[in-house]
Amino acid sequence: MATQLLQQTDELVTAQLRVADAIGSYRVALLSEIRPSAHRNVLRVVAASRGEDHLPAEVAADERETGRRRTLQGIPSADVLTAYRSRITLLRDQFLRVAQAEATLQPLQQRIP
């Protein structure tokens, strides 16, 4: 499943950008500034699906810097949390769709010699 999610990274990043764009206060942030955060979210979900509980140190440092930038841009912390939760929910839902598709295919694959 992790491989499938990684293969969908571009689409998942684009979907997350749409989520952020729907939050009015995020319109002060350039999409080019939000894109790395969206990409990092995909990596976080993939890491979690592999049972990894942390990201590399440089990614964690970039997360902190992203929070600082959003504050300096005047984006309320409540909106930052809403955007993050909405984007992670989007990724969770895609993970569940991939998992469901895998579960549906496995019994079929097991019956085919």
C-alpha atoms as a PDB file:
ATOM      1  CA  MET A   1       0.000   0.000   0.000  1.00  0.00           C
ATOM      2  CA  ALA A   2       2.853   2.351   0.786  1.00  0.00           C
ATOM      3  CA  THR A   3       4.175   1.958  -2.751  1.00  0.00           C
ATOM      4  CA  GLN A   4       0.776   2.772  -4.236  1.00  0.00           C
ATOM      5  CA  LEU A   5       0.475   5.888  -2.103  1.00  0.00           C
ATOM      6  CA  LEU A   6       3.952   6.999  -3.154  1.00  0.00           C
ATOM      7  CA  GLN A   7       2.973   6.486  -6.792  1.00  0.00           C
ATOM      8  CA  GLN A   8       0.001   8.798  -6.198  1.00  0.00           C
ATOM      9  CA  THR A   9       2.097  11.515  -4.536  1.00  0.00           C
ATOM     10  CA  ASP A  10       1.510  14.185  -7.196  1.00  0.00           C
ATOM     11  CA  GLU A  11      -2.259  13.683  -7.151  1.00  0.00           C
ATOM     12  CA  LEU A  12      -2.350  13.604  -3.359  1.00  0.00           C
ATOM     13  CA  VAL A  13      -0.289  16.790  -3.110  1.00  0.00           C
ATOM     14  CA  THR A  14      -2.610  18.538  -5.574  1.00  0.00           C
ATOM     15  CA  ALA A  15      -5.664  17.436  -3.598  1.00  0.00           C
ATOM     16  CA  GLN A  16      -4.103  18.785  -0.392  1.00  0.00           C
ATOM     17  CA  LEU A  17      -3.401  22.113  -2.077  1.00  0.00           C
ATOM     18  CA  ARG A  18      -7.097  22.382  -2.943  1.00  0.00           C
ATOM     19  CA  VAL A  19      -7.963  21.738   0.714  1.00  0.00           C
ATOM     20  CA  ALA A  20      -5.631  24.511   1.879  1.00  0.00           C
ATOM     21  CA  ASP A  21      -6.904  26.892  -0.791  1.00  0.00           C
ATOM     22  CA  ALA A  22     -10.447  26.429   0.534  1.00  0.00           C
ATOM     23  CA  ILE A  23      -9.371  28.000   3.848  1.00  0.00           C
ATOM     24  CA  GLY A  24      -9.519  31.743   3.337  1.00  0.00           C
ATOM     25  CA  SER A  25      -6.570  32.702   5.525  1.00  0.00           C
ATOM     26  CA  TYR A  26      -4.311  30.335   3.559  1.00  0.00           C
ATOM     27  CA  ARG A  27      -4.655  32.473   0.458  1.00  0.00           C
ATOM     28  CA  VAL A  28      -1.740  34.599   1.731  1.00  0.00           C
ATOM     29  CA  ALA A  29       0.552  31.569   1.406  1.00  0.00           C
ATOM     30  CA  LEU A  30       1.887  30.710  -2.022  1.00  0.00           C
ATOM     31  CA  LEU A  31       1.083  27.229  -3.254  1.00  0.00           C
ATOM     32  CA  SER A  32       4.822  26.756  -3.768  1.00  0.00           C
ATOM     33  CA  GLU A  33       5.197  27.246   0.006  1.00  0.00           C
ATOM     34  CA  ILE A  34       2.447  24.767   0.846  1.00  0.00           C
ATOM     35  CA  ARG A  35       3.527  22.098  -1.663  1.00  0.00           C
ATOM     36  CA  PRO A  36       6.511  20.834   0.430  1.00  0.00           C
ATOM     37  CA  SER A  37       4.243  20.474   3.453  1.00  0.00           C
ATOM     38  CA  ALA A  38       1.710  18.514   1.394  1.00  0.00           C
ATOM     39  CA  HIS A  39       4.472  16.270   0.075  1.00  0.00           C
ATOM     40  CA  ARG A  40       5.745  15.743   3.615  1.00  0.00           C
ATOM     41  CA  ASN A  41       2.250  14.700   4.684  1.00  0.00           C
ATOM     42  CA  VAL A  42       2.279  11.937   2.081  1.00  0.00           C
ATOM     43  CA  LEU A  43       5.657  10.788   3.391  1.00  0.00           C
ATOM     44  CA  ARG A  44       4.282  10.809   6.935  1.00  0.00           C
ATOM     45  CA  VAL A  45       1.320   8.587   5.997  1.00  0.00           C
ATOM     46  CA  VAL A  46       3.584   6.239   4.049  1.00  0.00           C
ATOM     47  CA  ALA A  47       5.991   6.033   6.994  1.00  0.00           C
ATOM     48  CA  ALA A  48       3.110   5.296   9.367  1.00  0.00           C
ATOM     49  CA  SER A  49       1.767   2.598   7.042  1.00  0.00           C
ATOM     50  CA  ARG A  50       5.195   0.966   7.186  1.00  0.00           C
ATOM     51  CA  GLY A  51       5.155   1.051  10.981  1.00  0.00           C
ATOM     52  CA  GLU A  52       7.709   3.855  11.225  1.00  0.00           C
ATOM     53  CA  ASP A  53       6.929   6.315  14.000  1.00  0.00           C
ATOM     54  CA  HIS A  54       9.185   9.179  12.964  1.00  0.00           C
ATOM     55  CA  LEU A  55      10.469  11.091   9.964  1.00  0.00           C
ATOM     56  CA  PRO A  56      14.082  12.049   9.341  1.00  0.00           C
ATOM     57  CA  ALA A  57      15.365  14.939  11.498  1.00  0.00           C
ATOM     58  CA  GLU A  58      15.494  17.363   8.562  1.00  0.00           C
ATOM     59  CA  VAL A  59      11.822  16.733   7.832  1.00  0.00           C
ATOM     60  CA  ALA A  60      10.877  17.363  11.465  1.00  0.00           C
ATOM     61  CA  ALA A  61      12.882  20.611  11.413  1.00  0.00           C
ATOM     62  CA  ASP A  62      11.088  21.665   8.231  1.00  0.00           C
ATOM     63  CA  GLU A  63       7.736  21.017   9.931  1.00  0.00           C
ATOM     64  CA  ARG A  64       8.643  23.412  12.724  1.00  0.00           C
ATOM     65  CA  GLU A  65       9.776  26.012  10.198  1.00  0.00           C
ATOM     66  CA  THR A  66       6.511  25.646   8.306  1.00  0.00           C
ATOM     67  CA  GLY A  67       4.553  26.417  11.477  1.00  0.00           C
ATOM     68  CA  ARG A  68       6.689  29.487  12.072  1.00  0.00           C
ATOM     69  CA  ARG A  69       6.121  30.705   8.495  1.00  0.00           C
ATOM     70  CA  ARG A  70       2.358  30.301   8.788  1.00  0.00           C
ATOM     71  CA  THR A  71       2.403  32.346  11.992  1.00  0.00           C
ATOM     72  CA  LEU A  72       4.434  35.096  10.320  1.00  0.00           C
ATOM     73  CA  GLN A  73       1.956  35.081   7.429  1.00  0.00           C
ATOM     74  CA  GLY A  74      -0.810  35.813   9.900  1.00  0.00           C
ATOM     75  CA  ILE A  75      -2.622  32.520   9.462  1.00  0.00           C
ATOM     76  CA  PRO A  76      -4.503  31.749  12.693  1.00  0.00           C
ATOM     77  CA  SER A  77      -3.352  28.616  14.489  1.00  0.00           C
ATOM     78  CA  ALA A  78      -6.915  27.275  14.386  1.00  0.00           C
ATOM     79  CA  ASP A  79      -6.811  27.472  10.573  1.00  0.00           C
ATOM     80  CA  VAL A  80      -3.404  25.783  10.495  1.00  0.00           C
ATOM     81  CA  LEU A  81      -4.822  22.913  12.567  1.00  0.00           C
ATOM     82  CA  THR A  82      -7.946  22.724  10.416  1.00  0.00           C
ATOM     83  CA  ALA A  83      -5.852  22.583   7.248  1.00  0.00           C
ATOM     84  CA  TYR A  84      -3.547  19.933   8.684  1.00  0.00           C
ATOM     85  CA  ARG A  85      -6.382  17.762   9.953  1.00  0.00           C
ATOM     86  CA  SER A  86      -8.289  18.091   6.681  1.00  0.00           C
ATOM     87  CA  ARG A  87      -5.241  17.178   4.623  1.00  0.00           C
ATOM     88  CA  ILE A  88      -4.384  14.199   6.837  1.00  0.00           C
ATOM     89  CA  THR A  89      -8.022  13.058   6.645  1.00  0.00           C
ATOM     90  CA  LEU A  90      -7.800  13.203   2.860  1.00  0.00           C
ATOM     91  CA  LEU A  91      -4.684  11.022   2.978  1.00  0.00           C
ATOM     92  CA  ARG A  92      -6.254   8.630   5.483  1.00  0.00           C
ATOM     93  CA  ASP A  93      -9.257   8.215   3.222  1.00  0.00           C
ATOM     94  CA  GLN A  94      -7.009   7.421   0.261  1.00  0.00           C
ATOM     95  CA  PHE A  95      -5.077   4.936   2.385  1.00  0.00           C
ATOM     96  CA  LEU A  96      -8.361   3.231   3.271  1.00  0.00           C
ATOM     97  CA  ARG A  97      -9.413   3.134  -0.398  1.00  0.00           C
ATOM     98  CA  VAL A  98      -6.097   1.514  -1.346  1.00  0.00           C
ATOM     99  CA  ALA A  99      -6.396  -0.940   1.559  1.00  0.00           C
ATOM    100  CA  GLN A 100      -9.944  -1.824   0.534  1.00  0.00           C
ATOM    101  CA  ALA A 101      -8.871  -2.385  -3.062  1.00  0.00           C
ATOM    102  CA  GLU A 102      -6.008  -4.593  -1.857  1.00  0.00           C
ATOM    103  CA  ALA A 103      -8.357  -6.607   0.353  1.00  0.00           C
ATOM    104  CA  THR A 104     -10.721  -7.058  -2.574  1.00  0.00           C
ATOM    105  CA  LEU A 105      -7.950  -8.169  -4.929  1.00  0.00           C
ATOM    106  CA  GLN A 106      -6.163 -10.551  -2.558  1.00  0.00           C
ATOM    107  CA  PRO A 107      -8.869 -13.219  -2.382  1.00  0.00           C
ATOM    108  CA  LEU A 108      -9.182 -13.085  -6.176  1.00  0.00           C
ATOM    109  CA  GLN A 109      -5.408 -13.399  -6.627  1.00  0.00           C
ATOM    110  CA  GLN A 110      -5.293 -16.318  -4.223  1.00  0.00           C
ATOM    111  CA  ARG A 111      -7.856 -18.223  -6.329  1.00  0.00           C
ATOM    112  CA  ILE A 112      -6.014 -17.683  -9.610  1.00  0.00           C
ATOM    113  CA  PRO A 113      -3.342 -20.360 -10.096  1.00  0.00           C
END
